Amino acid sequence: ISKESQETDTRPKLDLGFKEGQTIKLNIGNMPTK
């Protein structure tokens, strides 16, 4: 457990936030497509 916690601290953290101007596309069922 202590070894995993140390690896987690040294590992670069993932930034899952949206960047400025970034968008995502969602595919929802029963919706018209192009």
Full PDB file with SEQRES, HELIX, SHEET, SSBOND, CRYST1, ORIGX, SCALE, CONECT and MASTER records, all heavy atoms in Angstrom:
SEQRES   1 A   34  ILE SER LYS GLU SER GLN GLU THR ASP THR ARG PRO LYS          
SEQRES   2 A   34  LEU ASP LEU GLY PHE LYS GLU GLY GLN THR ILE LYS LEU          
SEQRES   3 A   34  ASN ILE GLY ASN MET PRO THR LYS                              
HELIX    1 AA1 SER A    2  THR A   10  1                                   9    
CRYST1    1.000    1.000    1.000  90.00  90.00  90.00 P 1           1          
ORIGX1      1.000000  0.000000  0.000000        0.00000                         
ORIGX2      0.000000  1.000000  0.000000        0.00000                         
ORIGX3      0.000000  0.000000  1.000000        0.00000                         
SCALE1      1.000000  0.000000  0.000000        0.00000                         
SCALE2      0.000000  1.000000  0.000000        0.00000                         
SCALE3      0.000000  0.000000  1.000000        0.00000                         
ATOM      1  N   ILE A   1       0.838  -1.209   0.000  1.00  0.00           N  
ATOM      2  CA  ILE A   1       0.000   0.000   0.000  1.00  0.00           C  
ATOM      3  C   ILE A   1       0.869   1.254   0.000  1.00  0.00           C  
ATOM      4  O   ILE A   1       0.601   2.221  -0.731  1.00  0.00           O  
ATOM      5  CB  ILE A   1      -0.946  -0.027   1.208  1.00  0.00           C  
ATOM      6  CG1 ILE A   1      -1.993  -1.142   1.046  1.00  0.00           C  
ATOM      7  CG2 ILE A   1      -1.648   1.321   1.368  1.00  0.00           C  
ATOM      8  CD1 ILE A   1      -2.856  -1.344   2.265  1.00  0.00           C  
ATOM      9  N   SER A   2       1.900   1.258   0.830  1.00  0.00           N  
ATOM     10  CA  SER A   2       2.782   2.431   0.876  1.00  0.00           C  
ATOM     11  C   SER A   2       3.525   2.617  -0.446  1.00  0.00           C  
ATOM     12  O   SER A   2       3.743   3.751  -0.900  1.00  0.00           O  
ATOM     13  CB  SER A   2       3.778   2.275   2.032  1.00  0.00           C  
ATOM     14  OG  SER A   2       4.596   1.132   1.852  1.00  0.00           O  
ATOM     15  N   LYS A   3       3.873   1.505  -1.099  1.00  0.00           N  
ATOM     16  CA  LYS A   3       4.563   1.609  -2.380  1.00  0.00           C  
ATOM     17  C   LYS A   3       3.638   2.177  -3.444  1.00  0.00           C  
ATOM     18  O   LYS A   3       4.051   3.022  -4.258  1.00  0.00           O  
ATOM     19  CB  LYS A   3       5.067   0.218  -2.791  1.00  0.00           C  
ATOM     20  CG  LYS A   3       5.886   0.218  -4.064  1.00  0.00           C  
ATOM     21  CD  LYS A   3       6.400  -1.172  -4.371  1.00  0.00           C  
ATOM     22  CE  LYS A   3       7.223  -1.197  -5.654  1.00  0.00           C  
ATOM     23  NZ  LYS A   3       7.706  -2.570  -5.980  1.00  0.00           N  
ATOM     24  N   GLU A   4       2.390   1.751  -3.460  1.00  0.00           N  
ATOM     25  CA  GLU A   4       1.438   2.277  -4.435  1.00  0.00           C  
ATOM     26  C   GLU A   4       1.157   3.753  -4.197  1.00  0.00           C  
ATOM     27  O   GLU A   4       1.000   4.523  -5.150  1.00  0.00           O  
ATOM     28  CB  GLU A   4       0.132   1.472  -4.376  1.00  0.00           C  
ATOM     29  CG  GLU A   4       0.261   0.053  -4.904  1.00  0.00           C  
ATOM     30  CD  GLU A   4      -1.034  -0.725  -4.780  1.00  0.00           C  
ATOM     31  OE1 GLU A   4      -2.015  -0.136  -4.247  1.00  0.00           O  
ATOM     32  OE2 GLU A   4      -1.076  -1.891  -5.197  1.00  0.00           O  
ATOM     33  N   SER A   5       1.067   4.159  -2.936  1.00  0.00           N  
ATOM     34  CA  SER A   5       0.823   5.575  -2.648  1.00  0.00           C  
ATOM     35  C   SER A   5       1.990   6.443  -3.098  1.00  0.00           C  
ATOM     36  O   SER A   5       1.798   7.551  -3.616  1.00  0.00           O  
ATOM     37  CB  SER A   5       0.567   5.765  -1.156  1.00  0.00           C  
ATOM     38  OG  SER A   5       1.697   5.381  -0.398  1.00  0.00           O  
ATOM     39  N   GLN A   6       3.203   5.949  -2.949  1.00  0.00           N  
ATOM     40  CA  GLN A   6       4.368   6.700  -3.410  1.00  0.00           C  
ATOM     41  C   GLN A   6       4.382   6.810  -4.929  1.00  0.00           C  
ATOM     42  O   GLN A   6       4.706   7.863  -5.484  1.00  0.00           O  
ATOM     43  CB  GLN A   6       5.652   6.032  -2.920  1.00  0.00           C  
ATOM     44  CG  GLN A   6       5.864   6.123  -1.415  1.00  0.00           C  
ATOM     45  CD  GLN A   6       7.111   5.385  -0.960  1.00  0.00           C  
ATOM     46  OE1 GLN A   6       7.819   4.789  -1.773  1.00  0.00           O  
ATOM     47  NE2 GLN A   6       7.375   5.417   0.341  1.00  0.00           N  
ATOM     48  N   GLU A   7       4.025   5.735  -5.603  1.00  0.00           N  
ATOM     49  CA  GLU A   7       3.971   5.796  -7.063  1.00  0.00           C  
ATOM     50  C   GLU A   7       2.889   6.744  -7.534  1.00  0.00           C  
ATOM     51  O   GLU A   7       3.048   7.446  -8.544  1.00  0.00           O  
ATOM     52  CB  GLU A   7       3.727   4.400  -7.639  1.00  0.00           C  
ATOM     53  CG  GLU A   7       4.898   3.439  -7.451  1.00  0.00           C  
ATOM     54  CD  GLU A   7       4.598   2.063  -8.004  1.00  0.00           C  
ATOM     55  OE1 GLU A   7       3.443   1.849  -8.431  1.00  0.00           O  
ATOM     56  OE2 GLU A   7       5.503   1.207  -7.998  1.00  0.00           O  
ATOM     57  N   THR A   8       1.786   6.795  -6.804  1.00  0.00           N  
ATOM     58  CA  THR A   8       0.709   7.711  -7.177  1.00  0.00           C  
ATOM     59  C   THR A   8       1.133   9.162  -7.007  1.00  0.00           C  
ATOM     60  O   THR A   8       0.774  10.028  -7.813  1.00  0.00           O  
ATOM     61  CB  THR A   8      -0.541   7.419  -6.334  1.00  0.00           C  
ATOM     62  OG1 THR A   8      -0.905   6.042  -6.493  1.00  0.00           O  
ATOM     63  CG2 THR A   8      -1.712   8.282  -6.769  1.00  0.00           C  
ATOM     64  N   ASP A   9       1.886   9.449  -5.958  1.00  0.00           N  
ATOM     65  CA  ASP A   9       2.330  10.821  -5.732  1.00  0.00           C  
ATOM     66  C   ASP A   9       3.337  11.274  -6.786  1.00  0.00           C  
ATOM     67  O   ASP A   9       3.326  12.438  -7.204  1.00  0.00           O  
ATOM     68  CB  ASP A   9       2.948  10.941  -4.334  1.00  0.00           C  
ATOM     69  CG  ASP A   9       1.919  10.690  -3.243  1.00  0.00           C  
ATOM     70  OD1 ASP A   9       0.711  10.831  -3.524  1.00  0.00           O  
ATOM     71  OD2 ASP A   9       2.312  10.325  -2.110  1.00  0.00           O  
ATOM     72  N   THR A  10       4.205  10.383  -7.204  1.00  0.00           N  
ATOM     73  CA  THR A  10       5.215  10.753  -8.198  1.00  0.00           C  
ATOM     74  C   THR A  10       4.671  10.735  -9.618  1.00  0.00           C  
ATOM     75  O   THR A  10       5.242  11.367 -10.508  1.00  0.00           O  
ATOM     76  CB  THR A  10       6.402   9.786  -8.118  1.00  0.00           C  
ATOM     77  OG1 THR A  10       5.936   8.438  -8.302  1.00  0.00           O  
ATOM     78  CG2 THR A  10       7.088   9.879  -6.754  1.00  0.00           C  
ATOM     79  N   ARG A  11       3.570  10.036  -9.839  1.00  0.00           N  
ATOM     80  CA  ARG A  11       2.997   9.950 -11.180  1.00  0.00           C  
ATOM     81  C   ARG A  11       2.325  11.280 -11.536  1.00  0.00           C  
ATOM     82  O   ARG A  11       1.682  11.905 -10.695  1.00  0.00           O  
ATOM     83  CB  ARG A  11       1.974   8.820 -11.215  1.00  0.00           C  
ATOM     84  CG  ARG A  11       1.452   8.471 -12.602  1.00  0.00           C  
ATOM     85  CD  ARG A  11       0.437   7.357 -12.483  1.00  0.00           C  
ATOM     86  NE  ARG A  11       1.001   6.196 -11.791  1.00  0.00           N  
ATOM     87  CZ  ARG A  11       0.269   5.194 -11.341  1.00  0.00           C  
ATOM     88  NH1 ARG A  11      -1.050   5.207 -11.491  1.00  0.00           N  
ATOM     89  NH2 ARG A  11       0.853   4.176 -10.718  1.00  0.00           N  
ATOM     90  N   PRO A  12       2.446  11.766 -12.779  1.00  0.00           N  
ATOM     91  CA  PRO A  12       1.777  13.023 -13.153  1.00  0.00           C  
ATOM     92  C   PRO A  12       0.262  12.864 -13.079  1.00  0.00           C  
ATOM     93  O   PRO A  12      -0.312  11.851 -13.495  1.00  0.00           O  
ATOM     94  CB  PRO A  12       2.253  13.267 -14.601  1.00  0.00           C  
ATOM     95  CG  PRO A  12       2.710  11.926 -15.091  1.00  0.00           C  
ATOM     96  CD  PRO A  12       3.248  11.207 -13.887  1.00  0.00           C  
ATOM     97  N   LYS A  13      -0.364  13.892 -12.541  1.00  0.00           N  
ATOM     98  CA  LYS A  13      -1.820  13.846 -12.359  1.00  0.00           C  
ATOM     99  C   LYS A  13      -2.517  14.104 -13.689  1.00  0.00           C  
ATOM    100  O   LYS A  13      -2.074  14.912 -14.499  1.00  0.00           O  
ATOM    101  CB  LYS A  13      -2.245  14.888 -11.331  1.00  0.00           C  
ATOM    102  CG  LYS A  13      -1.683  14.619  -9.936  1.00  0.00           C  
ATOM    103  CD  LYS A  13      -2.186  15.658  -8.957  1.00  0.00           C  
ATOM    104  CE  LYS A  13      -1.621  15.389  -7.558  1.00  0.00           C  
ATOM    105  NZ  LYS A  13      -2.093  16.402  -6.562  1.00  0.00           N  
ATOM    106  N   LEU A  14      -3.607  13.405 -13.873  1.00  0.00           N  
ATOM    107  CA  LEU A  14      -4.397  13.568 -15.086  1.00  0.00           C  
ATOM    108  C   LEU A  14      -5.312  14.779 -14.943  1.00  0.00           C  
ATOM    109  O   LEU A  14      -6.010  14.926 -13.938  1.00  0.00           O  
ATOM    110  CB  LEU A  14      -5.236  12.312 -15.349  1.00  0.00           C  
ATOM    111  CG  LEU A  14      -4.465  11.042 -15.717  1.00  0.00           C  
ATOM    112  CD1 LEU A  14      -5.425   9.879 -15.861  1.00  0.00           C  
ATOM    113  CD2 LEU A  14      -3.676  11.238 -16.992  1.00  0.00           C  
ATOM    114  N   ASP A  15      -5.280  15.633 -15.950  1.00  0.00           N  
ATOM    115  CA  ASP A  15      -6.155  16.796 -15.978  1.00  0.00           C  
ATOM    116  C   ASP A  15      -7.333  16.472 -16.884  1.00  0.00           C  
ATOM    117  O   ASP A  15      -7.219  16.481 -18.113  1.00  0.00           O  
ATOM    118  CB  ASP A  15      -5.385  18.012 -16.491  1.00  0.00           C  
ATOM    119  CG  ASP A  15      -6.224  19.279 -16.414  1.00  0.00           C  
ATOM    120  OD1 ASP A  15      -7.303  19.231 -15.791  1.00  0.00           O  
ATOM    121  OD2 ASP A  15      -5.800  20.316 -16.971  1.00  0.00           O  
ATOM    122  N   LEU A  16      -8.464  16.171 -16.268  1.00  0.00           N  
ATOM    123  CA  LEU A  16      -9.660  15.788 -17.023  1.00  0.00           C  
ATOM    124  C   LEU A  16     -10.593  16.955 -17.285  1.00  0.00           C  
ATOM    125  O   LEU A  16     -11.714  16.751 -17.765  1.00  0.00           O  
ATOM    126  CB  LEU A  16     -10.425  14.692 -16.263  1.00  0.00           C  
ATOM    127  CG  LEU A  16      -9.632  13.401 -16.004  1.00  0.00           C  
ATOM    128  CD1 LEU A  16     -10.488  12.407 -15.235  1.00  0.00           C  
ATOM    129  CD2 LEU A  16      -9.135  12.784 -17.292  1.00  0.00           C  
ATOM    130  N   GLY A  17     -10.170  18.168 -16.945  1.00  0.00           N  
ATOM    131  CA  GLY A  17     -11.014  19.325 -17.170  1.00  0.00           C  
ATOM    132  C   GLY A  17     -11.000  19.754 -18.635  1.00  0.00           C  
ATOM    133  O   GLY A  17     -10.097  19.423 -19.411  1.00  0.00           O  
ATOM    134  N   PHE A  18     -12.015  20.511 -19.038  1.00  0.00           N  
ATOM    135  CA  PHE A  18     -12.113  21.007 -20.395  1.00  0.00           C  
ATOM    136  C   PHE A  18     -11.166  22.192 -20.576  1.00  0.00           C  
ATOM    137  O   PHE A  18     -11.103  23.093 -19.740  1.00  0.00           O  
ATOM    138  CB  PHE A  18     -13.544  21.452 -20.710  1.00  0.00           C  
ATOM    139  CG  PHE A  18     -14.485  20.317 -20.913  1.00  0.00           C  
ATOM    140  CD1 PHE A  18     -15.341  19.915 -19.904  1.00  0.00           C  
ATOM    141  CD2 PHE A  18     -14.519  19.632 -22.115  1.00  0.00           C  
ATOM    142  CE1 PHE A  18     -16.198  18.868 -20.083  1.00  0.00           C  
ATOM    143  CE2 PHE A  18     -15.376  18.580 -22.305  1.00  0.00           C  
ATOM    144  CZ  PHE A  18     -16.221  18.194 -21.292  1.00  0.00           C  
ATOM    145  N   LYS A  19     -10.460  22.142 -21.690  1.00  0.00           N  
ATOM    146  CA  LYS A  19      -9.640  23.277 -22.043  1.00  0.00           C  
ATOM    147  C   LYS A  19     -10.526  24.384 -22.621  1.00  0.00           C  
ATOM    148  O   LYS A  19     -11.686  24.171 -22.937  1.00  0.00           O  
ATOM    149  CB  LYS A  19      -8.570  22.854 -23.058  1.00  0.00           C  
ATOM    150  CG  LYS A  19      -7.697  21.686 -22.627  1.00  0.00           C  
ATOM    151  CD  LYS A  19      -6.917  22.030 -21.389  1.00  0.00           C  
ATOM    152  CE  LYS A  19      -5.941  20.903 -21.029  1.00  0.00           C  
ATOM    153  NZ  LYS A  19      -6.620  19.653 -20.655  1.00  0.00           N  
ATOM    154  N   GLU A  20      -9.950  25.554 -22.759  1.00  0.00           N  
ATOM    155  CA  GLU A  20     -10.711  26.676 -23.282  1.00  0.00           C  
ATOM    156  C   GLU A  20     -11.046  26.436 -24.742  1.00  0.00           C  
ATOM    157  O   GLU A  20     -10.170  26.174 -25.571  1.00  0.00           O  
ATOM    158  CB  GLU A  20      -9.900  27.962 -23.128  1.00  0.00           C  
ATOM    159  CG  GLU A  20     -10.660  29.205 -23.547  1.00  0.00           C  
ATOM    160  CD  GLU A  20      -9.849  30.461 -23.315  1.00  0.00           C  
ATOM    161  OE1 GLU A  20      -8.723  30.353 -22.786  1.00  0.00           O  
ATOM    162  OE2 GLU A  20     -10.343  31.541 -23.661  1.00  0.00           O  
ATOM    163  N   GLY A  21     -12.340  26.476 -25.059  1.00  0.00           N  
ATOM    164  CA  GLY A  21     -12.798  26.234 -26.424  1.00  0.00           C  
ATOM    165  C   GLY A  21     -12.961  24.780 -26.791  1.00  0.00           C  
ATOM    166  O   GLY A  21     -13.353  24.471 -27.912  1.00  0.00           O  
ATOM    167  N   GLN A  22     -12.721  23.864 -25.879  1.00  0.00           N  
ATOM    168  CA  GLN A  22     -12.831  22.440 -26.179  1.00  0.00           C  
ATOM    169  C   GLN A  22     -14.272  21.988 -26.031  1.00  0.00           C  
ATOM    170  O   GLN A  22     -14.978  22.402 -25.104  1.00  0.00           O  
ATOM    171  CB  GLN A  22     -11.934  21.634 -25.240  1.00  0.00           C  
ATOM    172  CG  GLN A  22     -11.886  20.144 -25.551  1.00  0.00           C  
ATOM    173  CD  GLN A  22     -10.961  19.387 -24.608  1.00  0.00           C  
ATOM    174  OE1 GLN A  22     -10.428  19.973 -23.674  1.00  0.00           O  
ATOM    175  NE2 GLN A  22     -10.785  18.114 -24.861  1.00  0.00           N  
ATOM    176  N   THR A  23     -14.735  21.166 -26.932  1.00  0.00           N  
ATOM    177  CA  THR A  23     -16.097  20.647 -26.913  1.00  0.00           C  
ATOM    178  C   THR A  23     -16.066  19.145 -27.050  1.00  0.00           C  
ATOM    179  O   THR A  23     -15.066  18.559 -27.476  1.00  0.00           O  
ATOM    180  CB  THR A  23     -16.935  21.241 -28.057  1.00  0.00           C  
ATOM    181  OG1 THR A  23     -16.318  20.918 -29.307  1.00  0.00           O  
ATOM    182  CG2 THR A  23     -17.051  22.756 -27.928  1.00  0.00           C  
ATOM    183  N   ILE A  24     -17.172  18.522 -26.702  1.00  0.00           N  
ATOM    184  CA  ILE A  24     -17.324  17.081 -26.838  1.00  0.00           C  
ATOM    185  C   ILE A  24     -18.584  16.796 -27.623  1.00  0.00           C  
ATOM    186  O   ILE A  24     -19.476  17.645 -27.732  1.00  0.00           O  
ATOM    187  CB  ILE A  24     -17.371  16.380 -25.462  1.00  0.00           C  
ATOM    188  CG1 ILE A  24     -18.565  16.883 -24.644  1.00  0.00           C  
ATOM    189  CG2 ILE A  24     -16.082  16.573 -24.702  1.00  0.00           C  
ATOM    190  CD1 ILE A  24     -18.754  16.137 -23.352  1.00  0.00           C  
ATOM    191  N   LYS A  25     -18.668  15.617 -28.163  1.00  0.00           N  
ATOM    192  CA  LYS A  25     -19.808  15.186 -28.956  1.00  0.00           C  
ATOM    193  C   LYS A  25     -20.421  13.970 -28.298  1.00  0.00           C  
ATOM    194  O   LYS A  25     -19.727  13.005 -28.006  1.00  0.00           O  
ATOM    195  CB  LYS A  25     -19.377  14.854 -30.383  1.00  0.00           C  
ATOM    196  CG  LYS A  25     -20.529  14.423 -31.283  1.00  0.00           C  
ATOM    197  CD  LYS A  25     -20.028  14.125 -32.690  1.00  0.00           C  
ATOM    198  CE  LYS A  25     -21.160  13.669 -33.591  1.00  0.00           C  
ATOM    199  NZ  LYS A  25     -20.672  13.342 -34.957  1.00  0.00           N  
ATOM    200  N   LEU A  26     -21.724  14.033 -28.060  1.00  0.00           N  
ATOM    201  CA  LEU A  26     -22.450  12.934 -27.428  1.00  0.00           C  
ATOM    202  C   LEU A  26     -23.374  12.307 -28.446  1.00  0.00           C  
ATOM    203  O   LEU A  26     -24.103  13.021 -29.162  1.00  0.00           O  
ATOM    204  CB  LEU A  26     -23.259  13.437 -26.225  1.00  0.00           C  
ATOM    205  CG  LEU A  26     -22.457  14.062 -25.080  1.00  0.00           C  
ATOM    206  CD1 LEU A  26     -23.405  14.562 -23.998  1.00  0.00           C  
ATOM    207  CD2 LEU A  26     -21.495  13.063 -24.494  1.00  0.00           C  
ATOM    208  N   ASN A  27     -23.362  11.001 -28.531  1.00  0.00           N  
ATOM    209  CA  ASN A  27     -24.277  10.247 -29.391  1.00  0.00           C  
ATOM    210  C   ASN A  27     -25.375   9.649 -28.523  1.00  0.00           C  
ATOM    211  O   ASN A  27     -25.126   8.765 -27.714  1.00  0.00           O  
ATOM    212  CB  ASN A  27     -23.517   9.153 -30.143  1.00  0.00           C  
ATOM    213  CG  ASN A  27     -22.535   9.718 -31.137  1.00  0.00           C  
ATOM    214  OD1 ASN A  27     -22.771  10.768 -31.720  1.00  0.00           O  
ATOM    215  ND2 ASN A  27     -21.420   9.031 -31.336  1.00  0.00           N  
ATOM    216  N   ILE A  28     -26.570  10.163 -28.695  1.00  0.00           N  
ATOM    217  CA  ILE A  28     -27.718   9.713 -27.917  1.00  0.00           C  
ATOM    218  C   ILE A  28     -28.651   8.964 -28.850  1.00  0.00           C  
ATOM    219  O   ILE A  28     -28.890   9.381 -29.991  1.00  0.00           O  
ATOM    220  CB  ILE A  28     -28.440  10.896 -27.257  1.00  0.00           C  
ATOM    221  CG1 ILE A  28     -27.455  11.680 -26.382  1.00  0.00           C  
ATOM    222  CG2 ILE A  28     -29.626  10.416 -26.423  1.00  0.00           C  
ATOM    223  CD1 ILE A  28     -28.039  12.913 -25.760  1.00  0.00           C  
ATOM    224  N   GLY A  29     -29.173   7.841 -28.384  1.00  0.00           N  
ATOM    225  CA  GLY A  29     -30.065   7.042 -29.212  1.00  0.00           C  
ATOM    226  C   GLY A  29     -31.351   7.760 -29.564  1.00  0.00           C  
ATOM    227  O   GLY A  29     -31.798   8.690 -28.892  1.00  0.00           O  
ATOM    228  N   ASN A  30     -31.974   7.330 -30.695  1.00  0.00           N  
ATOM    229  CA  ASN A  30     -33.245   7.872 -31.177  1.00  0.00           C  
ATOM    230  C   ASN A  30     -33.163   9.360 -31.471  1.00  0.00           C  
ATOM    231  O   ASN A  30     -34.111  10.114 -31.266  1.00  0.00           O  
ATOM    232  CB  ASN A  30     -34.376   7.597 -30.179  1.00  0.00           C  
ATOM    233  CG  ASN A  30     -34.596   6.129 -29.959  1.00  0.00           C  
ATOM    234  OD1 ASN A  30     -34.403   5.320 -30.864  1.00  0.00           O  
ATOM    235  ND2 ASN A  30     -35.008   5.755 -28.756  1.00  0.00           N  
ATOM    236  N   MET A  31     -32.021   9.805 -31.927  1.00  0.00           N  
ATOM    237  CA  MET A  31     -31.855  11.207 -32.285  1.00  0.00           C  
ATOM    238  C   MET A  31     -31.499  11.274 -33.768  1.00  0.00           C  
ATOM    239  O   MET A  31     -30.820  10.402 -34.301  1.00  0.00           O  
ATOM    240  CB  MET A  31     -30.752  11.858 -31.452  1.00  0.00           C  
ATOM    241  CG  MET A  31     -31.102  11.989 -29.975  1.00  0.00           C  
ATOM    242  SD  MET A  31     -32.452  13.135 -29.677  1.00  0.00           S  
ATOM    243  CE  MET A  31     -31.635  14.681 -30.077  1.00  0.00           C  
ATOM    244  N   PRO A  32     -31.972  12.311 -34.479  1.00  0.00           N  
ATOM    245  CA  PRO A  32     -31.664  12.412 -35.918  1.00  0.00           C  
ATOM    246  C   PRO A  32     -30.195  12.674 -36.131  1.00  0.00           C  
ATOM    247  O   PRO A  32     -29.541  13.371 -35.361  1.00  0.00           O  
ATOM    248  CB  PRO A  32     -32.520  13.600 -36.375  1.00  0.00           C  
ATOM    249  CG  PRO A  32     -32.755  14.406 -35.137  1.00  0.00           C  
ATOM    250  CD  PRO A  32     -32.825  13.403 -34.012  1.00  0.00           C  
ATOM    251  N   THR A  33     -29.643  12.089 -37.166  1.00  0.00           N  
ATOM    252  CA  THR A  33     -28.244  12.284 -37.531  1.00  0.00           C  
ATOM    253  C   THR A  33     -28.180  12.973 -38.887  1.00  0.00           C  
ATOM    254  O   THR A  33     -29.199  13.171 -39.567  1.00  0.00           O  
ATOM    255  CB  THR A  33     -27.514  10.932 -37.588  1.00  0.00           C  
ATOM    256  OG1 THR A  33     -28.184  10.078 -38.536  1.00  0.00           O  
ATOM    257  CG2 THR A  33     -27.530  10.253 -36.225  1.00  0.00           C  
ATOM    258  N   LYS A  34     -26.958  13.329 -39.277  1.00  0.00           N  
ATOM    259  CA  LYS A  34     -26.795  13.999 -40.557  1.00  0.00           C  
ATOM    260  C   LYS A  34     -27.117  13.066 -41.718  1.00  0.00           C  
ATOM    261  O   LYS A  34     -27.625  13.482 -42.747  1.00  0.00           O  
ATOM    262  CB  LYS A  34     -25.365  14.509 -40.680  1.00  0.00           C  
ATOM    263  CG  LYS A  34     -25.062  15.631 -39.705  1.00  0.00           C  
ATOM    264  CD  LYS A  34     -23.655  16.166 -39.927  1.00  0.00           C  
ATOM    265  CE  LYS A  34     -23.354  17.309 -38.965  1.00  0.00           C  
ATOM    266  NZ  LYS A  34     -21.986  17.833 -39.166  1.00  0.00           N  
TER     267      LYS A  34                                                      
MASTER        0    0    0    1    0    0    0    6  266    1    0    3          
END                                                                             
